[in-house]
Amino acid sequence: MNEQDDPKKTANGGEAGPAGQNGEFKPSDYLRAVRSHLRNKKHKEAYSILLQASIQFPEDPLILSYYGCLQALVDKKYRSGVENCKRAILLLKKQGPFSEEVLYPVFYLNLGRACVAAGKKPDAIDALKKGLKYDNGNSDLKKELQSLGVRKQPTVPFLDRSNPINKYIGMILKSEKKPPPGGKSGGRGR
């Protein structure tokens, strides 16, 4: 592990040393470093930091959620990763509703990603949809669902997708969204 990957250095803005009065790092210090690595697609580095954080803070739901996700993605321990993500959600629920709307989408996103890595697509879709119940505008959840090939609900939901009414209404709605040929909207090119 090089100097950049050391959570004691990255969590403190590049300097080694105590983060708090007792020389211990807070969960937020570890999570800041983990998120930075994840943004840069450095999953192994983030996972190694989470290994340390999970030893120091085994009951922290957010650390456990990220740890479970990366355990499935990096370490290929699928069952354990999915279980840790689920346990993190239960721990969060026990802590109370103080930040459900903010944290649950992240927890379900991590669970969904762990399920995808484990080859459990239906469970992943279920987890991601649960996350959207807490934040229906979450772009990460939407992207993950789209990458799994989840289609939007039919225009008339009580009819089968293959029903001609759904097909034609869907075609009409889709054609209204597309600009007309030639790139100009409205009018005739006189």
C-alpha atoms as a PDB file:
ATOM      1  CA  MET A   1       0.000   0.000   0.000  1.00  0.00           C
ATOM      2  CA  ASN A   2       1.511   3.336  -0.955  1.00  0.00           C
ATOM      3  CA  GLU A   3       1.281   6.655   0.880  1.00  0.00           C
ATOM      4  CA  GLN A   4      -1.835   7.792  -1.020  1.00  0.00           C
ATOM      5  CA  ASP A   5      -3.756   4.652  -0.113  1.00  0.00           C
ATOM      6  CA  ASP A   6      -3.122   4.932   3.624  1.00  0.00           C
ATOM      7  CA  PRO A   7      -6.386   6.075   5.219  1.00  0.00           C
ATOM      8  CA  LYS A   8      -4.382   7.857   7.903  1.00  0.00           C
ATOM      9  CA  LYS A   9      -2.934  10.051   5.195  1.00  0.00           C
ATOM     10  CA  THR A  10      -5.841  10.423   2.755  1.00  0.00           C
ATOM     11  CA  ALA A  11      -8.461  10.891   5.458  1.00  0.00           C
ATOM     12  CA  ASN A  12      -6.480  13.799   6.914  1.00  0.00           C
ATOM     13  CA  GLY A  13      -5.765  15.668   3.723  1.00  0.00           C
ATOM     14  CA  GLY A  14      -2.408  14.004   3.119  1.00  0.00           C
ATOM     15  CA  GLU A  15      -0.921  14.233   6.625  1.00  0.00           C
ATOM     16  CA  ALA A  16      -0.376  11.441   9.058  1.00  0.00           C
ATOM     17  CA  GLY A  17      -1.383  11.981  12.632  1.00  0.00           C
ATOM     18  CA  PRO A  18      -4.356  11.916  14.930  1.00  0.00           C
ATOM     19  CA  ALA A  19      -7.753  12.882  13.572  1.00  0.00           C
ATOM     20  CA  GLY A  20      -9.317  13.271  17.000  1.00  0.00           C
ATOM     21  CA  GLN A  21      -8.203  13.932  20.555  1.00  0.00           C
ATOM     22  CA  ASN A  22      -7.419  10.267  21.227  1.00  0.00           C
ATOM     23  CA  GLY A  23      -5.588   9.717  17.943  1.00  0.00           C
ATOM     24  CA  GLU A  24      -8.422   7.656  16.477  1.00  0.00           C
ATOM     25  CA  PHE A  25     -10.084   8.231  13.156  1.00  0.00           C
ATOM     26  CA  LYS A  26     -13.799   8.762  12.900  1.00  0.00           C
ATOM     27  CA  PRO A  27     -15.953   6.773  10.483  1.00  0.00           C
ATOM     28  CA  SER A  28     -16.356   9.916   8.377  1.00  0.00           C
ATOM     29  CA  ASP A  29     -12.570  10.087   7.878  1.00  0.00           C
ATOM     30  CA  TYR A  30     -12.507   6.576   6.463  1.00  0.00           C
ATOM     31  CA  LEU A  31     -15.624   7.154   4.353  1.00  0.00           C
ATOM     32  CA  ARG A  32     -14.189  10.324   2.844  1.00  0.00           C
ATOM     33  CA  ALA A  33     -11.113   8.387   1.699  1.00  0.00           C
ATOM     34  CA  VAL A  34     -13.250   5.481   0.442  1.00  0.00           C
ATOM     35  CA  ARG A  35     -15.516   7.746  -1.613  1.00  0.00           C
ATOM     36  CA  SER A  36     -12.505   9.447  -3.137  1.00  0.00           C
ATOM     37  CA  HIS A  37     -11.118   6.091  -4.252  1.00  0.00           C
ATOM     38  CA  LEU A  38     -14.502   4.970  -5.568  1.00  0.00           C
ATOM     39  CA  ARG A  39     -14.842   8.160  -7.643  1.00  0.00           C
ATOM     40  CA  ASN A  40     -11.473   7.304  -9.189  1.00  0.00           C
ATOM     41  CA  LYS A  41     -12.552   3.683  -9.822  1.00  0.00           C
ATOM     42  CA  LYS A  42      -9.985   2.367  -7.319  1.00  0.00           C
ATOM     43  CA  HIS A  43     -12.142  -0.336  -5.762  1.00  0.00           C
ATOM     44  CA  LYS A  44      -9.271  -2.385  -4.307  1.00  0.00           C
ATOM     45  CA  GLU A  45      -7.822   0.628  -2.498  1.00  0.00           C
ATOM     46  CA  ALA A  46     -11.244   1.565  -1.135  1.00  0.00           C
ATOM     47  CA  TYR A  47     -11.774  -2.008   0.002  1.00  0.00           C
ATOM     48  CA  SER A  48      -8.464  -2.108   1.885  1.00  0.00           C
ATOM     49  CA  ILE A  49      -9.430   1.070   3.743  1.00  0.00           C
ATOM     50  CA  LEU A  50     -12.827  -0.427   4.555  1.00  0.00           C
ATOM     51  CA  LEU A  51     -11.156  -3.549   5.943  1.00  0.00           C
ATOM     52  CA  GLN A  52      -9.411  -1.351   8.507  1.00  0.00           C
ATOM     53  CA  ALA A  53     -12.516   0.744   9.177  1.00  0.00           C
ATOM     54  CA  SER A  54     -14.719  -2.326   9.672  1.00  0.00           C
ATOM     55  CA  ILE A  55     -12.362  -3.622  12.346  1.00  0.00           C
ATOM     56  CA  GLN A  56     -12.401  -0.303  14.170  1.00  0.00           C
ATOM     57  CA  PHE A  57     -16.135   0.393  13.644  1.00  0.00           C
ATOM     58  CA  PRO A  58     -17.884  -2.992  13.173  1.00  0.00           C
ATOM     59  CA  GLU A  59     -21.330  -1.600  14.016  1.00  0.00           C
ATOM     60  CA  ASP A  60     -21.236   1.503  11.813  1.00  0.00           C
ATOM     61  CA  PRO A  61     -23.984   0.957   9.226  1.00  0.00           C
ATOM     62  CA  LEU A  62     -22.481   3.105   6.464  1.00  0.00           C
ATOM     63  CA  ILE A  63     -19.050   1.505   6.727  1.00  0.00           C
ATOM     64  CA  LEU A  64     -20.686  -1.931   6.810  1.00  0.00           C
ATOM     65  CA  SER A  65     -22.774  -1.114   3.721  1.00  0.00           C
ATOM     66  CA  TYR A  66     -19.788  -0.029   1.628  1.00  0.00           C
ATOM     67  CA  TYR A  67     -17.730  -2.892   3.016  1.00  0.00           C
ATOM     68  CA  GLY A  68     -20.381  -5.432   2.017  1.00  0.00           C
ATOM     69  CA  CYS A  69     -20.667  -3.988  -1.472  1.00  0.00           C
ATOM     70  CA  LEU A  70     -16.928  -4.021  -2.086  1.00  0.00           C
ATOM     71  CA  GLN A  71     -16.586  -7.412  -0.425  1.00  0.00           C
ATOM     72  CA  ALA A  72     -18.799  -8.770  -3.202  1.00  0.00           C
ATOM     73  CA  LEU A  73     -17.239  -6.705  -6.003  1.00  0.00           C
ATOM     74  CA  VAL A  74     -13.540  -6.933  -5.118  1.00  0.00           C
ATOM     75  CA  ASP A  75     -13.098  -9.968  -2.880  1.00  0.00           C
ATOM     76  CA  LYS A  76     -15.764 -12.083  -4.659  1.00  0.00           C
ATOM     77  CA  LYS A  77     -17.290 -13.052  -1.298  1.00  0.00           C
ATOM     78  CA  TYR A  78     -20.815 -12.665  -2.599  1.00  0.00           C
ATOM     79  CA  ARG A  79     -22.893 -14.212   0.170  1.00  0.00           C
ATOM     80  CA  SER A  80     -21.009 -12.400   2.916  1.00  0.00           C
ATOM     81  CA  GLY A  81     -21.115  -9.111   0.986  1.00  0.00           C
ATOM     82  CA  VAL A  82     -24.879  -9.263   0.447  1.00  0.00           C
ATOM     83  CA  GLU A  83     -25.424 -10.263   4.090  1.00  0.00           C
ATOM     84  CA  ASN A  84     -23.311  -7.340   5.304  1.00  0.00           C
ATOM     85  CA  CYS A  85     -25.301  -4.913   3.152  1.00  0.00           C
ATOM     86  CA  LYS A  86     -28.563  -6.275   4.568  1.00  0.00           C
ATOM     87  CA  ARG A  87     -27.191  -6.139   8.115  1.00  0.00           C
ATOM     88  CA  ALA A  88     -26.192  -2.501   7.548  1.00  0.00           C
ATOM     89  CA  ILE A  89     -29.790  -1.645   6.607  1.00  0.00           C
ATOM     90  CA  LEU A  90     -31.056  -3.350   9.766  1.00  0.00           C
ATOM     91  CA  LEU A  91     -28.523  -1.450  11.889  1.00  0.00           C
ATOM     92  CA  LEU A  92     -29.628   1.820  10.331  1.00  0.00           C
ATOM     93  CA  LYS A  93     -33.277   1.036  11.056  1.00  0.00           C
ATOM     94  CA  LYS A  94     -32.401   0.347  14.710  1.00  0.00           C
ATOM     95  CA  GLN A  95     -30.671   3.724  14.985  1.00  0.00           C
ATOM     96  CA  GLY A  96     -33.882   5.542  14.123  1.00  0.00           C
ATOM     97  CA  PRO A  97     -35.403   7.566  11.307  1.00  0.00           C
ATOM     98  CA  PHE A  98     -33.060  10.555  11.659  1.00  0.00           C
ATOM     99  CA  SER A  99     -31.678  10.353   8.129  1.00  0.00           C
ATOM    100  CA  GLU A 100     -33.613   7.649   6.308  1.00  0.00           C
ATOM    101  CA  GLU A 101     -34.260   9.710   3.195  1.00  0.00           C
ATOM    102  CA  VAL A 102     -30.581  10.556   2.812  1.00  0.00           C
ATOM    103  CA  LEU A 103     -28.951   7.226   3.663  1.00  0.00           C
ATOM    104  CA  TYR A 104     -31.366   4.522   2.527  1.00  0.00           C
ATOM    105  CA  PRO A 105     -30.806   5.151  -1.196  1.00  0.00           C
ATOM    106  CA  VAL A 106     -27.042   4.657  -0.684  1.00  0.00           C
ATOM    107  CA  PHE A 107     -27.614   1.498   1.363  1.00  0.00           C
ATOM    108  CA  TYR A 108     -29.938  -0.001  -1.238  1.00  0.00           C
ATOM    109  CA  LEU A 109     -27.576   1.020  -4.045  1.00  0.00           C
ATOM    110  CA  ASN A 110     -24.750  -0.846  -2.297  1.00  0.00           C
ATOM    111  CA  LEU A 111     -27.010  -3.847  -1.722  1.00  0.00           C
ATOM    112  CA  GLY A 112     -28.099  -3.784  -5.362  1.00  0.00           C
ATOM    113  CA  ARG A 113     -24.519  -3.681  -6.591  1.00  0.00           C
ATOM    114  CA  ALA A 114     -23.557  -6.572  -4.289  1.00  0.00           C
ATOM    115  CA  CYS A 115     -26.518  -8.587  -5.610  1.00  0.00           C
ATOM    116  CA  VAL A 116     -25.486  -7.877  -9.214  1.00  0.00           C
ATOM    117  CA  ALA A 117     -21.958  -9.098  -8.441  1.00  0.00           C
ATOM    118  CA  ALA A 118     -23.469 -12.224  -6.861  1.00  0.00           C
ATOM    119  CA  GLY A 119     -25.524 -12.873 -10.010  1.00  0.00           C
ATOM    120  CA  LYS A 120     -28.830 -12.221  -8.241  1.00  0.00           C
ATOM    121  CA  LYS A 121     -30.422  -9.862 -10.730  1.00  0.00           C
ATOM    122  CA  PRO A 122     -34.012 -10.081  -9.360  1.00  0.00           C
ATOM    123  CA  ASP A 123     -32.754  -9.277  -5.841  1.00  0.00           C
ATOM    124  CA  ALA A 124     -30.676  -6.409  -7.233  1.00  0.00           C
ATOM    125  CA  ILE A 125     -33.675  -4.941  -9.043  1.00  0.00           C
ATOM    126  CA  ASP A 126     -35.770  -5.253  -5.883  1.00  0.00           C
ATOM    127  CA  ALA A 127     -33.106  -3.495  -3.780  1.00  0.00           C
ATOM    128  CA  LEU A 128     -32.660  -0.676  -6.294  1.00  0.00           C
ATOM    129  CA  LYS A 129     -36.416  -0.113  -6.524  1.00  0.00           C
ATOM    130  CA  LYS A 130     -36.614   0.050  -2.712  1.00  0.00           C
ATOM    131  CA  GLY A 131     -33.924   2.709  -2.825  1.00  0.00           C
ATOM    132  CA  LEU A 132     -35.965   4.707  -5.332  1.00  0.00           C
ATOM    133  CA  LYS A 133     -38.893   4.679  -2.888  1.00  0.00           C
ATOM    134  CA  TYR A 134     -36.774   6.861  -0.599  1.00  0.00           C
ATOM    135  CA  ASP A 135     -35.357   9.059  -3.370  1.00  0.00           C
ATOM    136  CA  ASN A 136     -37.062   8.665  -6.739  1.00  0.00           C
ATOM    137  CA  GLY A 137     -34.671  11.147  -8.330  1.00  0.00           C
ATOM    138  CA  ASN A 138     -31.451   9.338  -7.380  1.00  0.00           C
ATOM    139  CA  SER A 139     -29.444   9.176 -10.603  1.00  0.00           C
ATOM    140  CA  ASP A 140     -27.132   6.391  -9.383  1.00  0.00           C
ATOM    141  CA  LEU A 141     -30.066   4.103  -8.627  1.00  0.00           C
ATOM    142  CA  LYS A 142     -31.664   4.913 -11.975  1.00  0.00           C
ATOM    143  CA  LYS A 143     -28.417   4.253 -13.889  1.00  0.00           C
ATOM    144  CA  GLU A 144     -27.935   0.938 -12.125  1.00  0.00           C
ATOM    145  CA  LEU A 145     -31.504  -0.143 -12.939  1.00  0.00           C
ATOM    146  CA  GLN A 146     -31.086   0.950 -16.539  1.00  0.00           C
ATOM    147  CA  SER A 147     -27.851  -1.027 -16.830  1.00  0.00           C
ATOM    148  CA  LEU A 148     -29.787  -4.107 -15.683  1.00  0.00           C
ATOM    149  CA  GLY A 149     -32.249  -3.598 -18.525  1.00  0.00           C
ATOM    150  CA  VAL A 150     -35.241  -2.693 -16.386  1.00  0.00           C
ATOM    151  CA  ARG A 151     -37.965  -1.188 -18.534  1.00  0.00           C
ATOM    152  CA  LYS A 152     -40.402   1.520 -17.581  1.00  0.00           C
ATOM    153  CA  GLN A 153     -43.902   0.551 -16.621  1.00  0.00           C
ATOM    154  CA  PRO A 154     -46.292   0.244 -19.609  1.00  0.00           C
ATOM    155  CA  THR A 155     -48.367   3.347 -20.342  1.00  0.00           C
ATOM    156  CA  VAL A 156     -51.529   1.522 -19.290  1.00  0.00           C
ATOM    157  CA  PRO A 157     -50.189  -0.533 -16.371  1.00  0.00           C
ATOM    158  CA  PHE A 158     -53.184  -2.846 -15.911  1.00  0.00           C
ATOM    159  CA  LEU A 159     -52.825  -4.095 -19.513  1.00  0.00           C
ATOM    160  CA  ASP A 160     -50.071  -6.435 -20.665  1.00  0.00           C
ATOM    161  CA  ARG A 161     -47.066  -4.783 -22.292  1.00  0.00           C
ATOM    162  CA  SER A 162     -47.838  -6.585 -25.578  1.00  0.00           C
ATOM    163  CA  ASN A 163     -51.447  -5.341 -25.656  1.00  0.00           C
ATOM    164  CA  PRO A 164     -52.031  -3.261 -28.854  1.00  0.00           C
ATOM    165  CA  ILE A 165     -53.373  -0.330 -26.809  1.00  0.00           C
ATOM    166  CA  ASN A 166     -50.114  -0.134 -24.851  1.00  0.00           C
ATOM    167  CA  LYS A 167     -48.067  -0.565 -28.010  1.00  0.00           C
ATOM    168  CA  TYR A 168     -49.774   2.240 -29.939  1.00  0.00           C
ATOM    169  CA  ILE A 169     -49.936   4.696 -27.049  1.00  0.00           C
ATOM    170  CA  GLY A 170     -46.262   4.011 -26.380  1.00  0.00           C
ATOM    171  CA  MET A 171     -45.388   4.577 -30.043  1.00  0.00           C
ATOM    172  CA  ILE A 172     -47.335   7.861 -30.108  1.00  0.00           C
ATOM    173  CA  LEU A 173     -45.675   9.109 -26.920  1.00  0.00           C
ATOM    174  CA  LYS A 174     -42.240   8.110 -28.194  1.00  0.00           C
ATOM    175  CA  SER A 175     -42.771   9.862 -31.538  1.00  0.00           C
ATOM    176  CA  GLU A 176     -43.806  13.067 -29.759  1.00  0.00           C
ATOM    177  CA  LYS A 177     -40.461  13.155 -27.938  1.00  0.00           C
ATOM    178  CA  LYS A 178     -38.404  12.819 -31.134  1.00  0.00           C
ATOM    179  CA  PRO A 179     -37.714  15.939 -33.218  1.00  0.00           C
ATOM    180  CA  PRO A 180     -39.145  15.749 -36.731  1.00  0.00           C
ATOM    181  CA  PRO A 181     -36.799  14.873 -39.631  1.00  0.00           C
ATOM    182  CA  GLY A 182     -34.713  17.811 -40.778  1.00  0.00           C
ATOM    183  CA  GLY A 183     -34.118  19.070 -37.252  1.00  0.00           C
ATOM    184  CA  LYS A 184     -36.758  21.824 -37.311  1.00  0.00           C
ATOM    185  CA  SER A 185     -39.786  21.706 -35.098  1.00  0.00           C
ATOM    186  CA  GLY A 186     -43.177  22.807 -36.273  1.00  0.00           C
ATOM    187  CA  GLY A 187     -44.217  24.444 -39.540  1.00  0.00           C
ATOM    188  CA  ARG A 188     -43.364  23.528 -43.078  1.00  0.00           C
ATOM    189  CA  GLY A 189     -40.094  24.581 -44.618  1.00  0.00           C
ATOM    190  CA  ARG A 190     -41.591  27.258 -46.966  1.00  0.00           C
END
